[in-house]
Amino acid sequence: MELSFEKYLKEKTALPDSAINTIKGLAIPLTVNKNEFLLQPGEVCRHKIFVETGLLRTFSIGDDGNEHTLQLSPELSWTLDVESYDCETPTRINIGAIEPSNVLLWRKADFNTLLHELPLLKKYSEQVISNNIYFSRQRILTTLGGTPKDKYEEFTQRFPHLLSRLPLRIIASYLGISVKTLTRIRHAQLHP
């Protein structure tokens, strides 16, 4: 059986099998339990993370104790704290598992070597970064100018497969609204 990461790279890139094997060979496989953290405030993000199975969440906790979900990373997606990783400074965020997850980690030096030696991987990596920037910009615009209903509708369009996998408190923290508001929106959709 072909592993999901290898299948993912074959579908997304034109990398030959030998390059895929090289990339996979430098990966550190890790199983993460539900509610276990890969990164916590004060630590330096030292790895790029690919989610093979499961679901991760990148979030911060405000001074008031409220959680603010910045990113959801389901299977076949990448995550890291870019600022901490690039600048090698302590992070202010958490990356934790919402579900039991299997991930692959690459040390920064190893991944930089791969990018240097494999131009097709570098090109694909740049596409992933660009797509994340485009999505983040759209999310910021919706967050700043959209109603709670607009935010929820955009979420359901982007992540329909996650609705049944996420507790309401995490969806609400991703949208920047209260659980009470989210419950009211969902109730109105079910009972027009």
N, C-alpha and C. Protein backbone atom coordinates (compact mmCIF):
# COMPACT_ATOMS: atom_id res chain seq x y z
N MET A 1 0.84 -1.18 0.00
CA MET A 1 0.00 0.00 0.00
C MET A 1 0.89 1.25 0.00
N GLU A 2 0.57 2.18 -0.87
CA GLU A 2 1.34 3.42 -0.95
C GLU A 2 0.94 4.34 0.20
N LEU A 3 1.91 4.87 0.90
CA LEU A 3 1.63 5.76 2.01
C LEU A 3 1.03 7.07 1.52
N SER A 4 0.24 7.71 2.35
CA SER A 4 -0.47 8.91 1.94
C SER A 4 0.47 10.05 1.55
N PHE A 5 1.60 10.21 2.22
CA PHE A 5 2.52 11.29 1.87
C PHE A 5 3.09 11.09 0.47
N GLU A 6 3.47 9.85 0.18
CA GLU A 6 4.02 9.57 -1.15
C GLU A 6 2.95 9.80 -2.23
N LYS A 7 1.75 9.35 -1.97
CA LYS A 7 0.65 9.55 -2.92
C LYS A 7 0.37 11.05 -3.10
N TYR A 8 0.37 11.78 -1.99
CA TYR A 8 0.16 13.22 -2.02
C TYR A 8 1.19 13.90 -2.92
N LEU A 9 2.48 13.60 -2.73
CA LEU A 9 3.52 14.22 -3.56
C LEU A 9 3.38 13.85 -5.03
N LYS A 10 3.01 12.60 -5.30
CA LYS A 10 2.83 12.19 -6.70
C LYS A 10 1.68 12.92 -7.36
N GLU A 11 0.63 13.21 -6.59
CA GLU A 11 -0.52 13.94 -7.14
C GLU A 11 -0.25 15.43 -7.30
N LYS A 12 0.55 16.00 -6.42
CA LYS A 12 0.75 17.45 -6.39
C LYS A 12 1.98 17.93 -7.14
N THR A 13 2.93 17.03 -7.39
CA THR A 13 4.19 17.44 -8.01
C THR A 13 4.57 16.47 -9.12
N ALA A 14 5.62 16.83 -9.83
CA ALA A 14 6.18 15.95 -10.85
C ALA A 14 7.48 15.32 -10.35
N LEU A 15 7.63 15.24 -9.03
CA LEU A 15 8.85 14.67 -8.46
C LEU A 15 8.97 13.19 -8.80
N PRO A 16 10.16 12.75 -9.20
CA PRO A 16 10.36 11.32 -9.47
C PRO A 16 10.36 10.53 -8.16
N ASP A 17 10.15 9.23 -8.28
CA ASP A 17 10.12 8.36 -7.10
C ASP A 17 11.39 8.48 -6.26
N SER A 18 12.53 8.63 -6.92
CA SER A 18 13.79 8.73 -6.17
C SER A 18 13.80 9.97 -5.28
N ALA A 19 13.29 11.08 -5.78
CA ALA A 19 13.24 12.31 -4.98
C ALA A 19 12.24 12.16 -3.83
N ILE A 20 11.10 11.54 -4.11
CA ILE A 20 10.10 11.32 -3.06
C ILE A 20 10.69 10.45 -1.96
N ASN A 21 11.45 9.42 -2.36
CA ASN A 21 12.10 8.56 -1.37
C ASN A 21 13.12 9.33 -0.53
N THR A 22 13.83 10.25 -1.16
CA THR A 22 14.80 11.08 -0.44
C THR A 22 14.09 11.97 0.58
N ILE A 23 13.01 12.59 0.15
CA ILE A 23 12.24 13.47 1.04
C ILE A 23 11.70 12.66 2.22
N LYS A 24 11.09 11.54 1.90
CA LYS A 24 10.52 10.68 2.95
C LYS A 24 11.61 10.15 3.88
N GLY A 25 12.79 9.89 3.33
CA GLY A 25 13.89 9.36 4.14
C GLY A 25 14.39 10.32 5.20
N LEU A 26 14.20 11.62 4.99
CA LEU A 26 14.64 12.61 5.97
C LEU A 26 13.53 12.97 6.97
N ALA A 27 12.34 12.43 6.75
CA ALA A 27 11.21 12.73 7.64
C ALA A 27 11.32 11.94 8.93
N ILE A 28 10.84 12.56 9.99
CA ILE A 28 10.75 11.91 11.29
C ILE A 28 9.28 11.60 11.53
N PRO A 29 8.88 10.33 11.48
CA PRO A 29 7.47 10.01 11.73
C PRO A 29 7.15 10.11 13.22
N LEU A 30 5.96 10.59 13.51
CA LEU A 30 5.55 10.75 14.89
C LEU A 30 4.05 10.55 15.01
N THR A 31 3.64 9.81 16.03
CA THR A 31 2.23 9.67 16.35
C THR A 31 1.92 10.60 17.50
N VAL A 32 0.88 11.41 17.34
CA VAL A 32 0.50 12.40 18.33
C VAL A 32 -0.89 12.04 18.86
N ASN A 33 -1.02 11.93 20.16
CA ASN A 33 -2.31 11.62 20.77
C ASN A 33 -3.21 12.84 20.80
N LYS A 34 -4.50 12.60 20.92
CA LYS A 34 -5.46 13.69 21.07
C LYS A 34 -5.04 14.56 22.26
N ASN A 35 -5.10 15.88 22.06
CA ASN A 35 -4.75 16.89 23.06
C ASN A 35 -3.25 16.95 23.38
N GLU A 36 -2.42 16.26 22.62
CA GLU A 36 -0.97 16.34 22.79
C GLU A 36 -0.44 17.48 21.92
N PHE A 37 0.62 18.13 22.40
CA PHE A 37 1.17 19.28 21.70
C PHE A 37 2.44 18.93 20.94
N LEU A 38 2.58 19.54 19.77
CA LEU A 38 3.82 19.49 19.01
C LEU A 38 4.66 20.74 19.27
N LEU A 39 4.00 21.81 19.69
CA LEU A 39 4.68 23.08 19.93
C LEU A 39 3.88 23.86 20.97
N GLN A 40 4.60 24.48 21.91
CA GLN A 40 3.96 25.29 22.94
C GLN A 40 4.72 26.60 23.12
N PRO A 41 4.04 27.63 23.65
CA PRO A 41 4.70 28.93 23.83
C PRO A 41 6.03 28.80 24.58
N GLY A 42 7.01 29.55 24.07
CA GLY A 42 8.35 29.54 24.65
C GLY A 42 9.31 28.61 23.93
N GLU A 43 8.77 27.64 23.20
CA GLU A 43 9.62 26.72 22.43
C GLU A 43 9.91 27.34 21.06
N VAL A 44 10.95 26.86 20.42
CA VAL A 44 11.28 27.29 19.07
C VAL A 44 10.75 26.22 18.10
N CYS A 45 10.06 26.66 17.07
CA CYS A 45 9.55 25.74 16.05
C CYS A 45 10.73 25.30 15.18
N ARG A 46 11.10 24.04 15.28
CA ARG A 46 12.28 23.54 14.58
C ARG A 46 11.96 22.59 13.44
N HIS A 47 10.66 22.37 13.16
CA HIS A 47 10.27 21.40 12.14
C HIS A 47 9.14 21.91 11.26
N LYS A 48 9.19 21.52 10.00
CA LYS A 48 8.01 21.59 9.13
C LYS A 48 7.21 20.35 9.45
N ILE A 49 5.90 20.47 9.46
CA ILE A 49 5.02 19.36 9.85
C ILE A 49 4.06 19.06 8.72
N PHE A 50 3.99 17.79 8.35
CA PHE A 50 2.99 17.32 7.38
C PHE A 50 2.07 16.36 8.11
N VAL A 51 0.77 16.58 7.99
CA VAL A 51 -0.21 15.74 8.66
C VAL A 51 -0.63 14.63 7.70
N GLU A 52 -0.23 13.39 8.01
CA GLU A 52 -0.64 12.25 7.18
C GLU A 52 -2.07 11.84 7.51
N THR A 53 -2.36 11.70 8.79
CA THR A 53 -3.72 11.38 9.23
C THR A 53 -4.01 12.19 10.48
N GLY A 54 -5.27 12.48 10.69
CA GLY A 54 -5.67 13.19 11.90
C GLY A 54 -5.93 14.66 11.64
N LEU A 55 -5.86 15.44 12.71
CA LEU A 55 -6.23 16.85 12.64
C LEU A 55 -5.48 17.63 13.72
N LEU A 56 -4.74 18.65 13.28
CA LEU A 56 -4.00 19.52 14.20
C LEU A 56 -4.64 20.91 14.20
N ARG A 57 -4.33 21.65 15.26
CA ARG A 57 -4.84 23.01 15.39
C ARG A 57 -3.70 23.90 15.87
N THR A 58 -3.56 25.06 15.24
CA THR A 58 -2.62 26.08 15.65
C THR A 58 -3.44 27.17 16.34
N PHE A 59 -3.09 27.48 17.60
CA PHE A 59 -3.91 28.44 18.34
C PHE A 59 -3.08 29.16 19.39
N SER A 60 -3.64 30.28 19.84
CA SER A 60 -3.03 31.02 20.95
C SER A 60 -4.07 31.17 22.05
N ILE A 61 -3.60 31.52 23.22
CA ILE A 61 -4.50 31.77 24.33
C ILE A 61 -4.26 33.20 24.78
N GLY A 62 -5.33 34.01 24.71
CA GLY A 62 -5.22 35.42 25.08
C GLY A 62 -5.06 35.62 26.57
N ASP A 63 -4.74 36.84 26.95
CA ASP A 63 -4.59 37.18 28.37
C ASP A 63 -5.87 36.92 29.15
N ASP A 64 -7.00 36.97 28.44
CA ASP A 64 -8.29 36.73 29.08
C ASP A 64 -8.63 35.24 29.18
N GLY A 65 -7.72 34.39 28.67
CA GLY A 65 -7.96 32.95 28.73
C GLY A 65 -8.70 32.38 27.53
N ASN A 66 -9.13 33.25 26.63
CA ASN A 66 -9.84 32.79 25.43
C ASN A 66 -8.87 32.24 24.40
N GLU A 67 -9.27 31.15 23.76
CA GLU A 67 -8.46 30.55 22.70
C GLU A 67 -8.79 31.21 21.37
N HIS A 68 -7.76 31.37 20.54
CA HIS A 68 -7.91 31.95 19.21
C HIS A 68 -7.27 30.98 18.22
N THR A 69 -8.11 30.26 17.49
CA THR A 69 -7.61 29.27 16.53
C THR A 69 -7.17 29.98 15.26
N LEU A 70 -5.90 29.83 14.93
CA LEU A 70 -5.32 30.48 13.76
C LEU A 70 -5.39 29.61 12.52
N GLN A 71 -5.24 28.29 12.71
CA GLN A 71 -5.19 27.39 11.56
C GLN A 71 -5.67 26.01 11.98
N LEU A 72 -6.35 25.36 11.04
CA LEU A 72 -6.73 23.96 11.18
C LEU A 72 -5.94 23.20 10.13
N SER A 73 -5.35 22.10 10.53
CA SER A 73 -4.51 21.32 9.62
C SER A 73 -4.98 19.87 9.60
N PRO A 74 -5.89 19.56 8.67
CA PRO A 74 -6.34 18.17 8.55
C PRO A 74 -5.32 17.35 7.77
N GLU A 75 -5.63 16.07 7.59
CA GLU A 75 -4.74 15.20 6.84
C GLU A 75 -4.39 15.81 5.49
N LEU A 76 -3.17 15.52 5.07
CA LEU A 76 -2.60 15.98 3.80
C LEU A 76 -2.43 17.49 3.75
N SER A 77 -2.02 18.07 4.88
CA SER A 77 -1.71 19.49 4.90
C SER A 77 -0.45 19.73 5.72
N TRP A 78 0.10 20.92 5.56
CA TRP A 78 1.35 21.32 6.22
C TRP A 78 1.05 22.35 7.30
N THR A 79 1.90 22.39 8.32
CA THR A 79 1.77 23.42 9.33
C THR A 79 3.12 23.67 10.01
N LEU A 80 3.24 24.82 10.64
CA LEU A 80 4.37 25.22 11.46
C LEU A 80 4.09 26.63 11.94
N ASP A 81 4.90 27.14 12.86
CA ASP A 81 4.86 28.56 13.20
C ASP A 81 5.94 29.20 12.36
N VAL A 82 5.54 29.87 11.31
CA VAL A 82 6.49 30.42 10.32
C VAL A 82 7.49 31.36 10.97
N GLU A 83 7.01 32.27 11.81
CA GLU A 83 7.90 33.26 12.42
C GLU A 83 8.96 32.59 13.30
N SER A 84 8.51 31.68 14.15
CA SER A 84 9.45 30.99 15.04
C SER A 84 10.44 30.15 14.24
N TYR A 85 9.94 29.47 13.21
CA TYR A 85 10.77 28.61 12.37
C TYR A 85 11.82 29.42 11.61
N ASP A 86 11.37 30.49 10.95
CA ASP A 86 12.29 31.30 10.14
C ASP A 86 13.30 32.06 10.99
N CYS A 87 12.83 32.68 12.08
CA CYS A 87 13.69 33.54 12.90
C CYS A 87 14.37 32.80 14.04
N GLU A 88 13.97 31.55 14.25
CA GLU A 88 14.49 30.74 15.35
C GLU A 88 14.30 31.44 16.69
N THR A 89 13.09 31.96 16.88
CA THR A 89 12.72 32.64 18.12
C THR A 89 11.60 31.86 18.81
N PRO A 90 11.43 32.06 20.12
CA PRO A 90 10.37 31.35 20.83
C PRO A 90 8.98 31.70 20.27
N THR A 91 8.15 30.71 20.20
CA THR A 91 6.80 30.89 19.68
C THR A 91 5.86 31.42 20.75
N ARG A 92 4.75 31.98 20.30
CA ARG A 92 3.68 32.41 21.19
C ARG A 92 2.44 31.55 21.00
N ILE A 93 2.56 30.53 20.15
CA ILE A 93 1.38 29.73 19.81
C ILE A 93 1.56 28.27 20.23
N ASN A 94 0.46 27.56 20.14
CA ASN A 94 0.42 26.12 20.37
C ASN A 94 0.08 25.43 19.06
N ILE A 95 0.64 24.26 18.83
CA ILE A 95 0.19 23.37 17.78
C ILE A 95 -0.13 22.06 18.48
N GLY A 96 -1.40 21.69 18.46
CA GLY A 96 -1.83 20.49 19.18
C GLY A 96 -2.76 19.64 18.35
N ALA A 97 -2.91 18.40 18.76
CA ALA A 97 -3.75 17.44 18.05
C ALA A 97 -5.18 17.49 18.56
N ILE A 98 -6.12 17.67 17.66
CA ILE A 98 -7.54 17.58 17.98
C ILE A 98 -7.96 16.12 17.97
N GLU A 99 -7.34 15.35 17.11
CA GLU A 99 -7.58 13.91 16.99
C GLU A 99 -6.23 13.20 17.05
N PRO A 100 -6.21 11.91 17.35
CA PRO A 100 -4.96 11.17 17.19
C PRO A 100 -4.45 11.38 15.76
N SER A 101 -3.18 11.67 15.62
CA SER A 101 -2.64 12.06 14.32
C SER A 101 -1.29 11.41 14.07
N ASN A 102 -1.04 11.12 12.81
CA ASN A 102 0.28 10.67 12.36
C ASN A 102 0.87 11.79 11.52
N VAL A 103 2.05 12.26 11.93
CA VAL A 103 2.67 13.38 11.24
C VAL A 103 4.08 13.01 10.82
N LEU A 104 4.58 13.79 9.88
CA LEU A 104 5.98 13.69 9.47
C LEU A 104 6.62 15.04 9.77
N LEU A 105 7.82 15.01 10.35
CA LEU A 105 8.55 16.22 10.69
C LEU A 105 9.86 16.26 9.93
N TRP A 106 10.25 17.46 9.49
CA TRP A 106 11.56 17.66 8.87
C TRP A 106 12.29 18.76 9.63
N ARG A 107 13.51 18.48 10.03
CA ARG A 107 14.35 19.51 10.64
C ARG A 107 14.62 20.60 9.61
N LYS A 108 14.78 21.81 10.07
CA LYS A 108 14.98 22.95 9.18
C LYS A 108 16.17 22.74 8.24
N ALA A 109 17.30 22.31 8.77
CA ALA A 109 18.50 22.12 7.93
C ALA A 109 18.23 21.06 6.86
N ASP A 110 17.56 19.99 7.24
CA ASP A 110 17.25 18.93 6.27
C ASP A 110 16.31 19.43 5.18
N PHE A 111 15.28 20.18 5.58
CA PHE A 111 14.32 20.65 4.59
C PHE A 111 14.97 21.68 3.67
N ASN A 112 15.82 22.53 4.22
CA ASN A 112 16.52 23.51 3.38
C ASN A 112 17.42 22.81 2.36
N THR A 113 18.05 21.72 2.78
CA THR A 113 18.87 20.94 1.85
C THR A 113 18.00 20.37 0.74
N LEU A 114 16.84 19.84 1.10
CA LEU A 114 15.92 19.29 0.10
C LEU A 114 15.48 20.37 -0.89
N LEU A 115 15.16 21.55 -0.38
CA LEU A 115 14.74 22.64 -1.27
C LEU A 115 15.86 23.03 -2.23
N HIS A 116 17.09 23.01 -1.74
CA HIS A 116 18.24 23.36 -2.57
C HIS A 116 18.51 22.29 -3.63
N GLU A 117 18.38 21.03 -3.25
CA GLU A 117 18.72 19.92 -4.16
C GLU A 117 17.58 19.51 -5.08
N LEU A 118 16.34 19.87 -4.72
CA LEU A 118 15.17 19.43 -5.50
C LEU A 118 14.35 20.65 -5.94
N PRO A 119 14.68 21.22 -7.10
CA PRO A 119 13.97 22.41 -7.57
C PRO A 119 12.45 22.22 -7.68
N LEU A 120 12.01 21.01 -8.01
CA LEU A 120 10.56 20.78 -8.10
C LEU A 120 9.90 20.87 -6.73
N LEU A 121 10.60 20.43 -5.69
CA LEU A 121 10.07 20.56 -4.33
C LEU A 121 10.04 22.04 -3.93
N LYS A 122 11.08 22.77 -4.29
CA LYS A 122 11.12 24.20 -3.98
C LYS A 122 9.96 24.92 -4.66
N LYS A 123 9.71 24.59 -5.91
CA LYS A 123 8.61 25.22 -6.65
C LYS A 123 7.28 24.89 -5.99
N TYR A 124 7.09 23.65 -5.59
CA TYR A 124 5.84 23.27 -4.95
C TYR A 124 5.70 23.94 -3.59
N SER A 125 6.79 24.01 -2.84
CA SER A 125 6.77 24.66 -1.53
C SER A 125 6.36 26.13 -1.67
N GLU A 126 6.86 26.79 -2.70
CA GLU A 126 6.48 28.19 -2.95
C GLU A 126 5.00 28.31 -3.29
N GLN A 127 4.45 27.32 -4.01
CA GLN A 127 3.02 27.33 -4.32
C GLN A 127 2.19 27.17 -3.04
N VAL A 128 2.61 26.29 -2.16
CA VAL A 128 1.90 26.08 -0.89
C VAL A 128 1.92 27.38 -0.08
N ILE A 129 3.07 28.03 -0.02
CA ILE A 129 3.18 29.30 0.72
C ILE A 129 2.26 30.35 0.11
N SER A 130 2.27 30.47 -1.22
CA SER A 130 1.41 31.45 -1.89
C SER A 130 -0.06 31.16 -1.61
N ASN A 131 -0.46 29.90 -1.70
CA ASN A 131 -1.86 29.55 -1.43
C ASN A 131 -2.25 29.90 0.00
N ASN A 132 -1.34 29.68 0.95
CA ASN A 132 -1.62 30.03 2.34
C ASN A 132 -1.76 31.54 2.52
N ILE A 133 -0.94 32.30 1.82
CA ILE A 133 -1.04 33.76 1.89
C ILE A 133 -2.38 34.22 1.32
N TYR A 134 -2.78 33.68 0.18
CA TYR A 134 -4.06 34.06 -0.43
C TYR A 134 -5.22 33.73 0.50
N PHE A 135 -5.19 32.51 1.07
CA PHE A 135 -6.26 32.10 1.97
C PHE A 135 -6.28 32.98 3.21
N SER A 136 -5.12 33.28 3.78
CA SER A 136 -5.05 34.11 4.98
C SER A 136 -5.60 35.50 4.71
N ARG A 137 -5.29 36.05 3.55
CA ARG A 137 -5.81 37.38 3.21
C ARG A 137 -7.33 37.37 3.13
N GLN A 138 -7.88 36.35 2.48
CA GLN A 138 -9.33 36.24 2.38
C GLN A 138 -9.96 36.08 3.76
N ARG A 139 -9.32 35.28 4.59
CA ARG A 139 -9.85 35.06 5.95
C ARG A 139 -9.82 36.36 6.74
N ILE A 140 -8.75 37.14 6.63
CA ILE A 140 -8.67 38.43 7.32
C ILE A 140 -9.77 39.36 6.85
N LEU A 141 -10.00 39.43 5.55
CA LEU A 141 -11.06 40.30 5.02
C LEU A 141 -12.43 39.89 5.55
N THR A 142 -12.69 38.58 5.58
CA THR A 142 -13.98 38.11 6.09
C THR A 142 -14.08 38.38 7.59
N THR A 143 -12.99 38.17 8.31
CA THR A 143 -13.00 38.41 9.76
C THR A 143 -13.25 39.88 10.07
N LEU A 144 -12.63 40.77 9.30
CA LEU A 144 -12.78 42.20 9.56
C LEU A 144 -14.12 42.76 9.09
N GLY A 145 -14.62 42.26 7.97
CA GLY A 145 -15.81 42.86 7.40
C GLY A 145 -17.06 42.00 7.36
N GLY A 146 -16.91 40.74 7.68
CA GLY A 146 -18.05 39.84 7.57
C GLY A 146 -18.84 39.73 8.86
N THR A 147 -20.08 39.36 8.70
CA THR A 147 -20.92 39.09 9.86
C THR A 147 -20.58 37.70 10.39
N PRO A 148 -21.00 37.38 11.61
CA PRO A 148 -20.79 36.02 12.09
C PRO A 148 -21.35 34.96 11.14
N LYS A 149 -22.49 35.26 10.54
CA LYS A 149 -23.09 34.32 9.57
C LYS A 149 -22.18 34.17 8.35
N ASP A 150 -21.63 35.28 7.84
CA ASP A 150 -20.70 35.22 6.70
C ASP A 150 -19.48 34.35 7.04
N LYS A 151 -18.94 34.54 8.25
CA LYS A 151 -17.77 33.78 8.68
C LYS A 151 -18.08 32.29 8.72
N TYR A 152 -19.24 31.95 9.26
CA TYR A 152 -19.61 30.53 9.37
C TYR A 152 -19.85 29.94 7.98
N GLU A 153 -20.51 30.67 7.10
CA GLU A 153 -20.76 30.16 5.75
C GLU A 153 -19.45 29.92 5.00
N GLU A 154 -18.50 30.85 5.14
CA GLU A 154 -17.19 30.65 4.50
C GLU A 154 -16.49 29.41 5.08
N PHE A 155 -16.60 29.24 6.39
CA PHE A 155 -16.00 28.08 7.05
C PHE A 155 -16.61 26.78 6.51
N THR A 156 -17.94 26.73 6.41
CA THR A 156 -18.59 25.50 5.95
C THR A 156 -18.26 25.20 4.49
N GLN A 157 -18.02 26.23 3.70
CA GLN A 157 -17.62 26.00 2.31
C GLN A 157 -16.19 25.51 2.21
N ARG A 158 -15.33 26.06 3.04
CA ARG A 158 -13.91 25.68 2.99
C ARG A 158 -13.64 24.34 3.68
N PHE A 159 -14.34 24.08 4.77
CA PHE A 159 -14.06 22.88 5.59
C PHE A 159 -15.30 22.02 5.84
N PRO A 160 -16.07 21.67 4.82
CA PRO A 160 -17.28 20.88 5.10
C PRO A 160 -16.98 19.55 5.77
N HIS A 161 -15.83 18.98 5.47
CA HIS A 161 -15.44 17.68 6.02
C HIS A 161 -15.00 17.76 7.48
N LEU A 162 -14.84 18.97 8.01
CA LEU A 162 -14.40 19.12 9.40
C LEU A 162 -15.53 19.41 10.37
N LEU A 163 -16.70 19.74 9.86
CA LEU A 163 -17.80 20.15 10.73
C LEU A 163 -18.13 19.10 11.79
N SER A 164 -18.14 17.84 11.41
CA SER A 164 -18.49 16.79 12.37
C SER A 164 -17.29 16.37 13.23
N ARG A 165 -16.12 16.84 12.89
CA ARG A 165 -14.91 16.44 13.62
C ARG A 165 -14.47 17.46 14.67
N LEU A 166 -15.06 18.64 14.64
CA LEU A 166 -14.63 19.71 15.53
C LEU A 166 -15.70 20.06 16.56
N PRO A 167 -15.28 20.24 17.82
CA PRO A 167 -16.22 20.75 18.81
C PRO A 167 -16.60 22.19 18.47
N LEU A 168 -17.80 22.60 18.88
CA LEU A 168 -18.26 23.95 18.58
C LEU A 168 -17.31 25.02 19.12
N ARG A 169 -16.69 24.78 20.27
CA ARG A 169 -15.81 25.81 20.86
C ARG A 169 -14.61 26.09 19.96
N ILE A 170 -14.13 25.06 19.23
CA ILE A 170 -12.99 25.27 18.34
C ILE A 170 -13.44 25.99 17.07
N ILE A 171 -14.60 25.62 16.54
CA ILE A 171 -15.12 26.34 15.37
C ILE A 171 -15.33 27.81 15.74
N ALA A 172 -15.94 28.06 16.90
CA ALA A 172 -16.18 29.44 17.34
C ALA A 172 -14.87 30.20 17.50
N SER A 173 -13.85 29.55 18.07
CA SER A 173 -12.57 30.24 18.26
C SER A 173 -11.89 30.52 16.92
N TYR A 174 -12.10 29.65 15.94
CA TYR A 174 -11.56 29.88 14.60
C TYR A 174 -12.25 31.08 13.94
N LEU A 175 -13.56 31.18 14.16
CA LEU A 175 -14.34 32.25 13.54
C LEU A 175 -14.26 33.57 14.30
N GLY A 176 -13.78 33.52 15.54
CA GLY A 176 -13.72 34.74 16.35
C GLY A 176 -15.08 35.18 16.85
N ILE A 177 -15.94 34.20 17.13
CA ILE A 177 -17.28 34.49 17.66
C ILE A 177 -17.50 33.62 18.89
N SER A 178 -18.55 33.92 19.62
CA SER A 178 -18.85 33.13 20.81
C SER A 178 -19.56 31.83 20.42
N VAL A 179 -19.49 30.85 21.30
CA VAL A 179 -20.21 29.59 21.08
C VAL A 179 -21.71 29.86 21.01
N LYS A 180 -22.18 30.80 21.82
CA LYS A 180 -23.61 31.15 21.82
C LYS A 180 -24.04 31.68 20.45
N THR A 181 -23.24 32.56 19.86
CA THR A 181 -23.54 33.10 18.53
C THR A 181 -23.50 31.99 17.48
N LEU A 182 -22.50 31.13 17.56
CA LEU A 182 -22.39 30.03 16.61
C LEU A 182 -23.60 29.10 16.72
N THR A 183 -24.01 28.79 17.93
CA THR A 183 -25.18 27.92 18.14
C THR A 183 -26.42 28.57 17.54
N ARG A 184 -26.58 29.87 17.72
CA ARG A 184 -27.74 30.58 17.16
C ARG A 184 -27.72 30.53 15.62
N ILE A 185 -26.56 30.70 15.01
CA ILE A 185 -26.44 30.66 13.54
C ILE A 185 -26.80 29.26 13.03
N ARG A 186 -26.25 28.25 13.67
CA ARG A 186 -26.52 26.87 13.25
C ARG A 186 -28.00 26.53 13.43
N HIS A 187 -28.60 26.98 14.51
CA HIS A 187 -30.02 26.71 14.77
C HIS A 187 -30.88 27.37 13.68
N ALA A 188 -30.52 28.61 13.32
CA ALA A 188 -31.28 29.34 12.29
C ALA A 188 -31.18 28.63 10.93
N GLN A 189 -30.03 27.99 10.65
CA GLN A 189 -29.89 27.26 9.39
C GLN A 189 -30.74 26.00 9.38
N LEU A 190 -30.84 25.36 10.52
CA LEU A 190 -31.61 24.12 10.61
C LEU A 190 -33.11 24.37 10.68
N HIS A 191 -33.48 25.53 11.21
CA HIS A 191 -34.92 25.87 11.40
C HIS A 191 -35.21 27.24 10.79
N PRO A 192 -35.18 27.32 9.43
CA PRO A 192 -35.39 28.65 8.78
C PRO A 192 -36.78 29.21 8.99
